[in-house]
Amino acid sequence: MSGNARVLTKLMSRDTQLQGVRLEAVLEKRRLDQALNAKEFAVLAGISYSTTREWFRIPGFPVLRGVVFWGDFVDWRRNEMRLNQPTPDQSSRPIPLAPKTLGLPPKAARILAEVG
């Protein structure tokens, strides 16, 4: 088990809200770029469930209906830190957004634009 995995496992054992969340499953969701609920996000970010709930209420945080995409979080955090460099996984061509997608987190807007 890597050092990071040990730290996350220790965090999960202390936070009763995070018990039962499987680290392997959360890492797979991140690898597949799937939406994460608050508990999964807390495990992946290495923060407590209560801190996650606070972050989900921050204006501009890329949460939509209780889920967040890890890439959107990384972009939001980079923007908050004023390091506006694009991530390697961002598409090189922008997808035009329909009016119904404005104000949504970027990943959610892209998904709606692609299917809509």
PDB file of N, CA and C in Angstrom:
ATOM      1  N   MET A   1       0.856  -1.186   0.000  1.00  0.00           N
ATOM      2  CA  MET A   1       0.000   0.000   0.000  1.00  0.00           C
ATOM      3  C   MET A   1       0.894   1.239   0.000  1.00  0.00           C
ATOM      4  N   SER A   2       0.619   2.183  -0.878  1.00  0.00           N
ATOM      5  CA  SER A   2       1.431   3.388  -0.974  1.00  0.00           C
ATOM      6  C   SER A   2       1.188   4.295   0.237  1.00  0.00           C
ATOM      7  N   GLY A   3       2.068   5.266   0.407  1.00  0.00           N
ATOM      8  CA  GLY A   3       1.935   6.203   1.521  1.00  0.00           C
ATOM      9  C   GLY A   3       0.633   6.984   1.479  1.00  0.00           C
ATOM     10  N   ASN A   4       0.243   7.426   0.264  1.00  0.00           N
ATOM     11  CA  ASN A   4      -1.015   8.164   0.115  1.00  0.00           C
ATOM     12  C   ASN A   4      -2.204   7.302   0.478  1.00  0.00           C
ATOM     13  N   ALA A   5      -2.192   6.051   0.062  1.00  0.00           N
ATOM     14  CA  ALA A   5      -3.293   5.141   0.368  1.00  0.00           C
ATOM     15  C   ALA A   5      -3.392   4.911   1.873  1.00  0.00           C
ATOM     16  N   ARG A   6      -2.248   4.830   2.553  1.00  0.00           N
ATOM     17  CA  ARG A   6      -2.262   4.660   4.018  1.00  0.00           C
ATOM     18  C   ARG A   6      -2.887   5.868   4.698  1.00  0.00           C
ATOM     19  N   VAL A   7      -2.521   7.049   4.234  1.00  0.00           N
ATOM     20  CA  VAL A   7      -3.075   8.278   4.821  1.00  0.00           C
ATOM     21  C   VAL A   7      -4.588   8.323   4.613  1.00  0.00           C
ATOM     22  N   LEU A   8      -5.040   8.017   3.394  1.00  0.00           N
ATOM     23  CA  LEU A   8      -6.472   8.038   3.103  1.00  0.00           C
ATOM     24  C   LEU A   8      -7.214   6.982   3.922  1.00  0.00           C
ATOM     25  N   THR A   9      -6.619   5.793   4.064  1.00  0.00           N
ATOM     26  CA  THR A   9      -7.249   4.733   4.846  1.00  0.00           C
ATOM     27  C   THR A   9      -7.371   5.162   6.301  1.00  0.00           C
ATOM     28  N   LYS A  10      -6.342   5.832   6.823  1.00  0.00           N
ATOM     29  CA  LYS A  10      -6.373   6.312   8.210  1.00  0.00           C
ATOM     30  C   LYS A  10      -7.468   7.364   8.373  1.00  0.00           C
ATOM     31  N   LEU A  11      -7.568   8.284   7.430  1.00  0.00           N
ATOM     32  CA  LEU A  11      -8.608   9.313   7.468  1.00  0.00           C
ATOM     33  C   LEU A  11      -9.989   8.666   7.466  1.00  0.00           C
ATOM     34  N   MET A  12     -10.165   7.688   6.595  1.00  0.00           N
ATOM     35  CA  MET A  12     -11.467   7.028   6.466  1.00  0.00           C
ATOM     36  C   MET A  12     -11.834   6.284   7.744  1.00  0.00           C
ATOM     37  N   SER A  13     -10.858   5.740   8.437  1.00  0.00           N
ATOM     38  CA  SER A  13     -11.166   5.001   9.665  1.00  0.00           C
ATOM     39  C   SER A  13     -11.543   5.943  10.807  1.00  0.00           C
ATOM     40  N   ARG A  14     -11.075   7.182  10.750  1.00  0.00           N
ATOM     41  CA  ARG A  14     -11.419   8.152  11.802  1.00  0.00           C
ATOM     42  C   ARG A  14     -12.752   8.843  11.552  1.00  0.00           C
ATOM     43  N   ASP A  15     -13.117   9.038  10.310  1.00  0.00           N
ATOM     44  CA  ASP A  15     -14.344   9.749   9.966  1.00  0.00           C
ATOM     45  C   ASP A  15     -15.451   8.718   9.739  1.00  0.00           C
ATOM     46  N   THR A  16     -16.386   8.640  10.677  1.00  0.00           N
ATOM     47  CA  THR A  16     -17.425   7.613  10.593  1.00  0.00           C
ATOM     48  C   THR A  16     -18.266   7.753   9.330  1.00  0.00           C
ATOM     49  N   GLN A  17     -18.411   8.965   8.792  1.00  0.00           N
ATOM     50  CA  GLN A  17     -19.183   9.163   7.567  1.00  0.00           C
ATOM     51  C   GLN A  17     -18.515   8.500   6.367  1.00  0.00           C
ATOM     52  N   LEU A  18     -17.196   8.317   6.436  1.00  0.00           N
ATOM     53  CA  LEU A  18     -16.461   7.786   5.293  1.00  0.00           C
ATOM     54  C   LEU A  18     -16.213   6.287   5.379  1.00  0.00           C
ATOM     55  N   GLN A  19     -16.577   5.691   6.501  1.00  0.00           N
ATOM     56  CA  GLN A  19     -16.397   4.249   6.630  1.00  0.00           C
ATOM     57  C   GLN A  19     -17.287   3.548   5.615  1.00  0.00           C
ATOM     58  N   GLY A  20     -16.757   2.540   5.008  1.00  0.00           N
ATOM     59  CA  GLY A  20     -17.518   1.803   4.003  1.00  0.00           C
ATOM     60  C   GLY A  20     -17.289   2.298   2.590  1.00  0.00           C
ATOM     61  N   VAL A  21     -16.644   3.447   2.416  1.00  0.00           N
ATOM     62  CA  VAL A  21     -16.316   3.936   1.079  1.00  0.00           C
ATOM     63  C   VAL A  21     -15.033   3.231   0.662  1.00  0.00           C
ATOM     64  N   ARG A  22     -15.087   2.522  -0.446  1.00  0.00           N
ATOM     65  CA  ARG A  22     -13.928   1.758  -0.914  1.00  0.00           C
ATOM     66  C   ARG A  22     -13.005   2.646  -1.739  1.00  0.00           C
ATOM     67  N   LEU A  23     -11.778   2.784  -1.278  1.00  0.00           N
ATOM     68  CA  LEU A  23     -10.791   3.621  -1.950  1.00  0.00           C
ATOM     69  C   LEU A  23     -10.587   3.183  -3.399  1.00  0.00           C
ATOM     70  N   GLU A  24     -10.518   1.877  -3.625  1.00  0.00           N
ATOM     71  CA  GLU A  24     -10.304   1.376  -4.985  1.00  0.00           C
ATOM     72  C   GLU A  24     -11.436   1.814  -5.918  1.00  0.00           C
ATOM     73  N   ALA A  25     -12.663   1.772  -5.429  1.00  0.00           N
ATOM     74  CA  ALA A  25     -13.818   2.167  -6.244  1.00  0.00           C
ATOM     75  C   ALA A  25     -13.768   3.662  -6.563  1.00  0.00           C
ATOM     76  N   VAL A  26     -13.358   4.458  -5.592  1.00  0.00           N
ATOM     77  CA  VAL A  26     -13.270   5.908  -5.797  1.00  0.00           C
ATOM     78  C   VAL A  26     -12.165   6.236  -6.800  1.00  0.00           C
ATOM     79  N   LEU A  27     -11.029   5.559  -6.682  1.00  0.00           N
ATOM     80  CA  LEU A  27      -9.937   5.789  -7.623  1.00  0.00           C
ATOM     81  C   LEU A  27     -10.344   5.396  -9.041  1.00  0.00           C
ATOM     82  N   GLU A  28     -11.128   4.336  -9.167  1.00  0.00           N
ATOM     83  CA  GLU A  28     -11.605   3.916 -10.486  1.00  0.00           C
ATOM     84  C   GLU A  28     -12.570   4.959 -11.058  1.00  0.00           C
ATOM     85  N   LYS A  29     -13.449   5.517 -10.225  1.00  0.00           N
ATOM     86  CA  LYS A  29     -14.362   6.558 -10.708  1.00  0.00           C
ATOM     87  C   LYS A  29     -13.578   7.777 -11.188  1.00  0.00           C
ATOM     88  N   ARG A  30     -12.514   8.110 -10.474  1.00  0.00           N
ATOM     89  CA  ARG A  30     -11.682   9.239 -10.905  1.00  0.00           C
ATOM     90  C   ARG A  30     -11.015   8.911 -12.238  1.00  0.00           C
ATOM     91  N   ARG A  31     -10.476   7.703 -12.361  1.00  0.00           N
ATOM     92  CA  ARG A  31      -9.812   7.301 -13.599  1.00  0.00           C
ATOM     93  C   ARG A  31     -10.773   7.367 -14.781  1.00  0.00           C
ATOM     94  N   LEU A  32     -12.030   7.009 -14.553  1.00  0.00           N
ATOM     95  CA  LEU A  32     -13.038   7.015 -15.613  1.00  0.00           C
ATOM     96  C   LEU A  32     -13.700   8.377 -15.790  1.00  0.00           C
ATOM     97  N   ASP A  33     -13.278   9.359 -14.994  1.00  0.00           N
ATOM     98  CA  ASP A  33     -13.828  10.716 -15.036  1.00  0.00           C
ATOM     99  C   ASP A  33     -15.336  10.716 -14.776  1.00  0.00           C
ATOM    100  N   GLN A  34     -15.742   9.953 -13.772  1.00  0.00           N
ATOM    101  CA  GLN A  34     -17.145   9.891 -13.376  1.00  0.00           C
ATOM    102  C   GLN A  34     -17.398  10.850 -12.213  1.00  0.00           C
ATOM    103  N   ALA A  35     -18.658  11.226 -12.048  1.00  0.00           N
ATOM    104  CA  ALA A  35     -19.037  12.137 -10.970  1.00  0.00           C
ATOM    105  C   ALA A  35     -18.832  11.456  -9.618  1.00  0.00           C
ATOM    106  N   LEU A  36     -18.410  12.255  -8.635  1.00  0.00           N
ATOM    107  CA  LEU A  36     -18.166  11.776  -7.276  1.00  0.00           C
ATOM    108  C   LEU A  36     -19.165  12.412  -6.329  1.00  0.00           C
ATOM    109  N   ASN A  37     -19.751  11.605  -5.449  1.00  0.00           N
ATOM    110  CA  ASN A  37     -20.614  12.194  -4.418  1.00  0.00           C
ATOM    111  C   ASN A  37     -19.729  12.765  -3.310  1.00  0.00           C
ATOM    112  N   ALA A  38     -20.325  13.356  -2.307  1.00  0.00           N
ATOM    113  CA  ALA A  38     -19.564  14.049  -1.262  1.00  0.00           C
ATOM    114  C   ALA A  38     -18.619  13.111  -0.523  1.00  0.00           C
ATOM    115  N   LYS A  39     -19.067  11.916  -0.209  1.00  0.00           N
ATOM    116  CA  LYS A  39     -18.208  10.978   0.518  1.00  0.00           C
ATOM    117  C   LYS A  39     -17.039  10.521  -0.340  1.00  0.00           C
ATOM    118  N   GLU A  40     -17.301  10.227  -1.583  1.00  0.00           N
ATOM    119  CA  GLU A  40     -16.230   9.803  -2.490  1.00  0.00           C
ATOM    120  C   GLU A  40     -15.239  10.939  -2.701  1.00  0.00           C
ATOM    121  N   PHE A  41     -15.743  12.146  -2.866  1.00  0.00           N
ATOM    122  CA  PHE A  41     -14.866  13.304  -3.043  1.00  0.00           C
ATOM    123  C   PHE A  41     -13.993  13.502  -1.815  1.00  0.00           C
ATOM    124  N   ALA A  42     -14.575  13.372  -0.621  1.00  0.00           N
ATOM    125  CA  ALA A  42     -13.816  13.541   0.618  1.00  0.00           C
ATOM    126  C   ALA A  42     -12.659  12.552   0.680  1.00  0.00           C
ATOM    127  N   VAL A  43     -12.928  11.303   0.332  1.00  0.00           N
ATOM    128  CA  VAL A  43     -11.882  10.285   0.344  1.00  0.00           C
ATOM    129  C   VAL A  43     -10.785  10.644  -0.647  1.00  0.00           C
ATOM    130  N   LEU A  44     -11.160  11.009  -1.848  1.00  0.00           N
ATOM    131  CA  LEU A  44     -10.185  11.315  -2.894  1.00  0.00           C
ATOM    132  C   LEU A  44      -9.376  12.570  -2.560  1.00  0.00           C
ATOM    133  N   ALA A  45     -10.027  13.567  -2.002  1.00  0.00           N
ATOM    134  CA  ALA A  45      -9.337  14.820  -1.670  1.00  0.00           C
ATOM    135  C   ALA A  45      -8.553  14.719  -0.360  1.00  0.00           C
ATOM    136  N   GLY A  46      -8.824  13.671   0.418  1.00  0.00           N
ATOM    137  CA  GLY A  46      -8.115  13.502   1.690  1.00  0.00           C
ATOM    138  C   GLY A  46      -8.589  14.464   2.756  1.00  0.00           C
ATOM    139  N   ILE A  47      -9.879  14.814   2.696  1.00  0.00           N
ATOM    140  CA  ILE A  47     -10.448  15.726   3.690  1.00  0.00           C
ATOM    141  C   ILE A  47     -11.632  15.048   4.369  1.00  0.00           C
ATOM    142  N   SER A  48     -12.090  15.640   5.454  1.00  0.00           N
ATOM    143  CA  SER A  48     -13.214  15.050   6.177  1.00  0.00           C
ATOM    144  C   SER A  48     -14.527  15.290   5.423  1.00  0.00           C
ATOM    145  N   TYR A  49     -15.513  14.497   5.773  1.00  0.00           N
ATOM    146  CA  TYR A  49     -16.835  14.642   5.164  1.00  0.00           C
ATOM    147  C   TYR A  49     -17.421  16.011   5.487  1.00  0.00           C
ATOM    148  N   SER A  50     -17.237  16.484   6.719  1.00  0.00           N
ATOM    149  CA  SER A  50     -17.788  17.794   7.092  1.00  0.00           C
ATOM    150  C   SER A  50     -17.112  18.920   6.314  1.00  0.00           C
ATOM    151  N   THR A  51     -15.821  18.807   6.054  1.00  0.00           N
ATOM    152  CA  THR A  51     -15.123  19.812   5.239  1.00  0.00           C
ATOM    153  C   THR A  51     -15.643  19.781   3.806  1.00  0.00           C
ATOM    154  N   THR A  52     -15.888  18.575   3.294  1.00  0.00           N
ATOM    155  CA  THR A  52     -16.440  18.450   1.943  1.00  0.00           C
ATOM    156  C   THR A  52     -17.771  19.161   1.842  1.00  0.00           C
ATOM    157  N   ARG A  53     -18.634  18.955   2.827  1.00  0.00           N
ATOM    158  CA  ARG A  53     -19.944  19.613   2.801  1.00  0.00           C
ATOM    159  C   ARG A  53     -19.791  21.131   2.820  1.00  0.00           C
ATOM    160  N   GLU A  54     -18.809  21.640   3.556  1.00  0.00           N
ATOM    161  CA  GLU A  54     -18.546  23.085   3.547  1.00  0.00           C
ATOM    162  C   GLU A  54     -18.094  23.528   2.164  1.00  0.00           C
ATOM    163  N   TRP A  55     -17.181  22.792   1.552  1.00  0.00           N
ATOM    164  CA  TRP A  55     -16.687  23.149   0.219  1.00  0.00           C
ATOM    165  C   TRP A  55     -17.814  23.119  -0.795  1.00  0.00           C
ATOM    166  N   PHE A  56     -18.718  22.159  -0.688  1.00  0.00           N
ATOM    167  CA  PHE A  56     -19.826  22.051  -1.643  1.00  0.00           C
ATOM    168  C   PHE A  56     -20.744  23.272  -1.571  1.00  0.00           C
ATOM    169  N   ARG A  57     -20.666  24.031  -0.492  1.00  0.00           N
ATOM    170  CA  ARG A  57     -21.505  25.233  -0.340  1.00  0.00           C
ATOM    171  C   ARG A  57     -20.784  26.524  -0.750  1.00  0.00           C
ATOM    172  N   ILE A  58     -19.511  26.431  -1.079  1.00  0.00           N
ATOM    173  CA  ILE A  58     -18.752  27.619  -1.482  1.00  0.00           C
ATOM    174  C   ILE A  58     -19.280  28.092  -2.838  1.00  0.00           C
ATOM    175  N   PRO A  59     -19.649  29.379  -2.946  1.00  0.00           N
ATOM    176  CA  PRO A  59     -20.112  29.887  -4.243  1.00  0.00           C
ATOM    177  C   PRO A  59     -19.043  29.661  -5.314  1.00  0.00           C
ATOM    178  N   GLY A  60     -19.455  29.102  -6.430  1.00  0.00           N
ATOM    179  CA  GLY A  60     -18.541  28.841  -7.525  1.00  0.00           C
ATOM    180  C   GLY A  60     -17.904  27.459  -7.505  1.00  0.00           C
ATOM    181  N   PHE A  61     -18.031  26.744  -6.388  1.00  0.00           N
ATOM    182  CA  PHE A  61     -17.480  25.383  -6.343  1.00  0.00           C
ATOM    183  C   PHE A  61     -18.244  24.535  -7.359  1.00  0.00           C
ATOM    184  N   PRO A  62     -17.561  23.696  -8.142  1.00  0.00           N
ATOM    185  CA  PRO A  62     -18.208  23.016  -9.267  1.00  0.00           C
ATOM    186  C   PRO A  62     -19.064  21.802  -8.889  1.00  0.00           C
ATOM    187  N   VAL A  63     -19.959  21.978  -7.958  1.00  0.00           N
ATOM    188  CA  VAL A  63     -20.850  20.899  -7.557  1.00  0.00           C
ATOM    189  C   VAL A  63     -22.190  21.072  -8.259  1.00  0.00           C
ATOM    190  N   LEU A  64     -22.778  19.964  -8.675  1.00  0.00           N
ATOM    191  CA  LEU A  64     -24.080  19.993  -9.325  1.00  0.00           C
ATOM    192  C   LEU A  64     -24.909  18.851  -8.750  1.00  0.00           C
ATOM    193  N   ARG A  65     -25.973  19.205  -8.077  1.00  0.00           N
ATOM    194  CA  ARG A  65     -26.869  18.210  -7.480  1.00  0.00           C
ATOM    195  C   ARG A  65     -26.130  17.197  -6.618  1.00  0.00           C
ATOM    196  N   GLY A  66     -25.169  17.681  -5.854  1.00  0.00           N
ATOM    197  CA  GLY A  66     -24.478  16.839  -4.897  1.00  0.00           C
ATOM    198  C   GLY A  66     -23.326  16.020  -5.431  1.00  0.00           C
ATOM    199  N   VAL A  67     -22.937  16.238  -6.682  1.00  0.00           N
ATOM    200  CA  VAL A  67     -21.786  15.525  -7.239  1.00  0.00           C
ATOM    201  C   VAL A  67     -20.812  16.506  -7.873  1.00  0.00           C
ATOM    202  N   VAL A  68     -19.569  16.059  -7.994  1.00  0.00           N
ATOM    203  CA  VAL A  68     -18.522  16.881  -8.593  1.00  0.00           C
ATOM    204  C   VAL A  68     -17.627  15.973  -9.424  1.00  0.00           C
ATOM    205  N   PHE A  69     -17.154  16.497 -10.534  1.00  0.00           N
ATOM    206  CA  PHE A  69     -16.167  15.789 -11.346  1.00  0.00           C
ATOM    207  C   PHE A  69     -14.792  16.231 -10.876  1.00  0.00           C
ATOM    208  N   TRP A  70     -13.883  15.287 -10.717  1.00  0.00           N
ATOM    209  CA  TRP A  70     -12.554  15.606 -10.187  1.00  0.00           C
ATOM    210  C   TRP A  70     -11.853  16.659 -11.055  1.00  0.00           C
ATOM    211  N   GLY A  71     -11.955  16.538 -12.363  1.00  0.00           N
ATOM    212  CA  GLY A  71     -11.315  17.513 -13.250  1.00  0.00           C
ATOM    213  C   GLY A  71     -11.840  18.922 -13.041  1.00  0.00           C
ATOM    214  N   ASP A  72     -13.150  19.041 -12.803  1.00  0.00           N
ATOM    215  CA  ASP A  72     -13.724  20.361 -12.532  1.00  0.00           C
ATOM    216  C   ASP A  72     -13.191  20.918 -11.216  1.00  0.00           C
ATOM    217  N   PHE A  73     -13.034  20.041 -10.226  1.00  0.00           N
ATOM    218  CA  PHE A  73     -12.467  20.483  -8.951  1.00  0.00           C
ATOM    219  C   PHE A  73     -11.039  20.983  -9.146  1.00  0.00           C
ATOM    220  N   VAL A  74     -10.232  20.223  -9.902  1.00  0.00           N
ATOM    221  CA  VAL A  74      -8.840  20.616 -10.149  1.00  0.00           C
ATOM    222  C   VAL A  74      -8.802  21.973 -10.840  1.00  0.00           C
ATOM    223  N   ASP A  75      -9.644  22.160 -11.856  1.00  0.00           N
ATOM    224  CA  ASP A  75      -9.703  23.448 -12.550  1.00  0.00           C
ATOM    225  C   ASP A  75     -10.119  24.568 -11.607  1.00  0.00           C
ATOM    226  N   TRP A  76     -11.131  24.308 -10.779  1.00  0.00           N
ATOM    227  CA  TRP A  76     -11.606  25.318  -9.827  1.00  0.00           C
ATOM    228  C   TRP A  76     -10.500  25.682  -8.846  1.00  0.00           C
ATOM    229  N   ARG A  77      -9.822  24.670  -8.335  1.00  0.00           N
ATOM    230  CA  ARG A  77      -8.755  24.908  -7.353  1.00  0.00           C
ATOM    231  C   ARG A  77      -7.609  25.693  -7.983  1.00  0.00           C
ATOM    232  N   ARG A  78      -7.243  25.309  -9.213  1.00  0.00           N
ATOM    233  CA  ARG A  78      -6.175  26.020  -9.918  1.00  0.00           C
ATOM    234  C   ARG A  78      -6.565  27.485 -10.104  1.00  0.00           C
ATOM    235  N   ASN A  79      -7.826  27.719 -10.466  1.00  0.00           N
ATOM    236  CA  ASN A  79      -8.318  29.076 -10.649  1.00  0.00           C
ATOM    237  C   ASN A  79      -8.275  29.835  -9.329  1.00  0.00           C
ATOM    238  N   GLU A  80      -8.651  29.170  -8.255  1.00  0.00           N
ATOM    239  CA  GLU A  80      -8.616  29.802  -6.937  1.00  0.00           C
ATOM    240  C   GLU A  80      -7.192  30.182  -6.553  1.00  0.00           C
ATOM    241  N   MET A  81      -6.244  29.394  -6.994  1.00  0.00           N
ATOM    242  CA  MET A  81      -4.835  29.652  -6.673  1.00  0.00           C
ATOM    243  C   MET A  81      -4.174  30.561  -7.699  1.00  0.00           C
ATOM    244  N   ARG A  82      -4.950  30.982  -8.693  1.00  0.00           N
ATOM    245  CA  ARG A  82      -4.470  31.884  -9.746  1.00  0.00           C
ATOM    246  C   ARG A  82      -3.377  31.248 -10.603  1.00  0.00           C
ATOM    247  N   LEU A  83      -3.497  29.961 -10.840  1.00  0.00           N
ATOM    248  CA  LEU A  83      -2.550  29.256 -11.707  1.00  0.00           C
ATOM    249  C   LEU A  83      -3.289  28.808 -12.952  1.00  0.00           C
ATOM    250  N   ASN A  84      -3.818  29.701 -13.682  1.00  0.00           N
ATOM    251  CA  ASN A  84      -4.724  29.397 -14.793  1.00  0.00           C
ATOM    252  C   ASN A  84      -4.041  28.704 -15.967  1.00  0.00           C
ATOM    253  N   GLN A  85      -3.473  27.541 -15.713  1.00  0.00           N
ATOM    254  CA  GLN A  85      -2.878  26.753 -16.786  1.00  0.00           C
ATOM    255  C   GLN A  85      -3.833  25.611 -17.107  1.00  0.00           C
ATOM    256  N   PRO A  86      -4.076  25.352 -18.384  1.00  0.00           N
ATOM    257  CA  PRO A  86      -5.001  24.264 -18.732  1.00  0.00           C
ATOM    258  C   PRO A  86      -4.435  22.914 -18.310  1.00  0.00           C
ATOM    259  N   THR A  87      -5.317  21.996 -17.920  1.00  0.00           N
ATOM    260  CA  THR A  87      -4.906  20.647 -17.556  1.00  0.00           C
ATOM    261  C   THR A  87      -4.721  19.824 -18.827  1.00  0.00           C
ATOM    262  N   PRO A  88      -3.857  18.817 -18.790  1.00  0.00           N
ATOM    263  CA  PRO A  88      -3.596  18.015 -19.991  1.00  0.00           C
ATOM    264  C   PRO A  88      -4.834  17.295 -20.519  1.00  0.00           C
ATOM    265  N   ASP A  89      -5.809  16.995 -19.658  1.00  0.00           N
ATOM    266  CA  ASP A  89      -6.968  16.243 -20.109  1.00  0.00           C
ATOM    267  C   ASP A  89      -8.072  17.117 -20.702  1.00  0.00           C
ATOM    268  N   GLN A  90      -7.875  18.428 -20.742  1.00  0.00           N
ATOM    269  CA  GLN A  90      -8.895  19.300 -21.321  1.00  0.00           C
ATOM    270  C   GLN A  90      -8.872  19.186 -22.837  1.00  0.00           C
ATOM    271  N   SER A  91     -10.038  19.190 -23.431  1.00  0.00           N
ATOM    272  CA  SER A  91     -10.148  19.115 -24.881  1.00  0.00           C
ATOM    273  C   SER A  91      -9.544  20.365 -25.514  1.00  0.00           C
ATOM    274  N   SER A  92      -8.889  20.185 -26.651  1.00  0.00           N
ATOM    275  CA  SER A  92      -8.256  21.329 -27.305  1.00  0.00           C
ATOM    276  C   SER A  92      -9.282  22.207 -28.017  1.00  0.00           C
ATOM    277  N   ARG A  93     -10.431  21.621 -28.354  1.00  0.00           N
ATOM    278  CA  ARG A  93     -11.448  22.439 -29.032  1.00  0.00           C
ATOM    279  C   ARG A  93     -12.616  22.665 -28.077  1.00  0.00           C
ATOM    280  N   PRO A  94     -13.005  23.914 -27.894  1.00  0.00           N
ATOM    281  CA  PRO A  94     -14.131  24.176 -26.998  1.00  0.00           C
ATOM    282  C   PRO A  94     -15.443  23.698 -27.607  1.00  0.00           C
ATOM    283  N   ILE A  95     -16.329  23.237 -26.757  1.00  0.00           N
ATOM    284  CA  ILE A  95     -17.660  22.823 -27.196  1.00  0.00           C
ATOM    285  C   ILE A  95     -18.593  23.995 -26.955  1.00  0.00           C
ATOM    286  N   PRO A  96     -19.305  24.462 -27.982  1.00  0.00           N
ATOM    287  CA  PRO A  96     -20.226  25.574 -27.772  1.00  0.00           C
ATOM    288  C   PRO A  96     -21.305  25.168 -26.765  1.00  0.00           C
ATOM    289  N   LEU A  97     -21.570  26.052 -25.828  1.00  0.00           N
ATOM    290  CA  LEU A  97     -22.531  25.749 -24.779  1.00  0.00           C
ATOM    291  C   LEU A  97     -23.897  26.331 -25.096  1.00  0.00           C
ATOM    292  N   ALA A  98     -24.907  25.510 -24.896  1.00  0.00           N
ATOM    293  CA  ALA A  98     -26.284  25.972 -25.069  1.00  0.00           C
ATOM    294  C   ALA A  98     -26.647  26.833 -23.866  1.00  0.00           C
ATOM    295  N   PRO A  99     -27.625  27.733 -24.023  1.00  0.00           N
ATOM    296  CA  PRO A  99     -28.008  28.583 -22.901  1.00  0.00           C
ATOM    297  C   PRO A  99     -28.388  27.799 -21.647  1.00  0.00           C
ATOM    298  N   LYS A 100     -28.960  26.588 -21.801  1.00  0.00           N
ATOM    299  CA  LYS A 100     -29.355  25.824 -20.614  1.00  0.00           C
ATOM    300  C   LYS A 100     -28.162  25.301 -19.834  1.00  0.00           C
ATOM    301  N   THR A 101     -26.947  25.321 -20.415  1.00  0.00           N
ATOM    302  CA  THR A 101     -25.764  24.824 -19.721  1.00  0.00           C
ATOM    303  C   THR A 101     -24.976  25.925 -19.024  1.00  0.00           C
ATOM    304  N   LEU A 102     -25.319  27.164 -19.277  1.00  0.00           N
ATOM    305  CA  LEU A 102     -24.585  28.263 -18.650  1.00  0.00           C
ATOM    306  C   LEU A 102     -24.752  28.224 -17.145  1.00  0.00           C
ATOM    307  N   GLY A 103     -23.672  28.443 -16.446  1.00  0.00           N
ATOM    308  CA  GLY A 103     -23.703  28.437 -14.992  1.00  0.00           C
ATOM    309  C   GLY A 103     -23.471  27.064 -14.381  1.00  0.00           C
ATOM    310  N   LEU A 104     -23.353  26.026 -15.207  1.00  0.00           N
ATOM    311  CA  LEU A 104     -23.085  24.680 -14.711  1.00  0.00           C
ATOM    312  C   LEU A 104     -21.582  24.466 -14.598  1.00  0.00           C
ATOM    313  N   PRO A 105     -21.152  23.502 -13.776  1.00  0.00           N
ATOM    314  CA  PRO A 105     -19.730  23.154 -13.775  1.00  0.00           C
ATOM    315  C   PRO A 105     -19.315  22.715 -15.174  1.00  0.00           C
ATOM    316  N   PRO A 106     -18.061  22.946 -15.559  1.00  0.00           N
ATOM    317  CA  PRO A 106     -17.632  22.685 -16.934  1.00  0.00           C
ATOM    318  C   PRO A 106     -17.930  21.275 -17.445  1.00  0.00           C
ATOM    319  N   LYS A 107     -17.636  20.249 -16.662  1.00  0.00           N
ATOM    320  CA  LYS A 107     -17.857  18.878 -17.132  1.00  0.00           C
ATOM    321  C   LYS A 107     -19.342  18.630 -17.375  1.00  0.00           C
ATOM    322  N   ALA A 108     -20.193  19.074 -16.474  1.00  0.00           N
ATOM    323  CA  ALA A 108     -21.637  18.900 -16.644  1.00  0.00           C
ATOM    324  C   ALA A 108     -22.119  19.640 -17.886  1.00  0.00           C
ATOM    325  N   ALA A 109     -21.604  20.842 -18.124  1.00  0.00           N
ATOM    326  CA  ALA A 109     -21.987  21.615 -19.301  1.00  0.00           C
ATOM    327  C   ALA A 109     -21.554  20.905 -20.580  1.00  0.00           C
ATOM    328  N   ARG A 110     -20.327  20.332 -20.585  1.00  0.00           N
ATOM    329  CA  ARG A 110     -19.848  19.620 -21.766  1.00  0.00           C
ATOM    330  C   ARG A 110     -20.711  18.399 -22.060  1.00  0.00           C
ATOM    331  N   ILE A 111     -21.076  17.677 -21.022  1.00  0.00           N
ATOM    332  CA  ILE A 111     -21.919  16.481 -21.217  1.00  0.00           C
ATOM    333  C   ILE A 111     -23.269  16.876 -21.810  1.00  0.00           C
ATOM    334  N   LEU A 112     -23.878  17.912 -21.252  1.00  0.00           N
ATOM    335  CA  LEU A 112     -25.173  18.367 -21.773  1.00  0.00           C
ATOM    336  C   LEU A 112     -25.053  18.885 -23.195  1.00  0.00           C
ATOM    337  N   ALA A 113     -23.957  19.569 -23.501  1.00  0.00           N
ATOM    338  CA  ALA A 113     -23.761  20.105 -24.845  1.00  0.00           C
ATOM    339  C   ALA A 113     -23.576  18.968 -25.855  1.00  0.00           C
ATOM    340  N   GLU A 114     -22.911  17.904 -25.443  1.00  0.00           N
ATOM    341  CA  GLU A 114     -22.663  16.785 -26.352  1.00  0.00           C
ATOM    342  C   GLU A 114     -23.937  15.988 -26.639  1.00  0.00           C
ATOM    343  N   VAL A 115     -24.810  15.852 -25.662  1.00  0.00           N
ATOM    344  CA  VAL A 115     -26.030  15.055 -25.871  1.00  0.00           C
ATOM    345  C   VAL A 115     -27.203  15.901 -26.315  1.00  0.00           C
ATOM    346  N   GLY A 116     -27.115  17.199 -26.109  1.00  0.00           N
ATOM    347  CA  GLY A 116     -28.241  18.073 -26.412  1.00  0.00           C
ATOM    348  C   GLY A 116     -28.178  18.567 -27.773  1.00  0.00           C
TER     349      GLY A 116
END
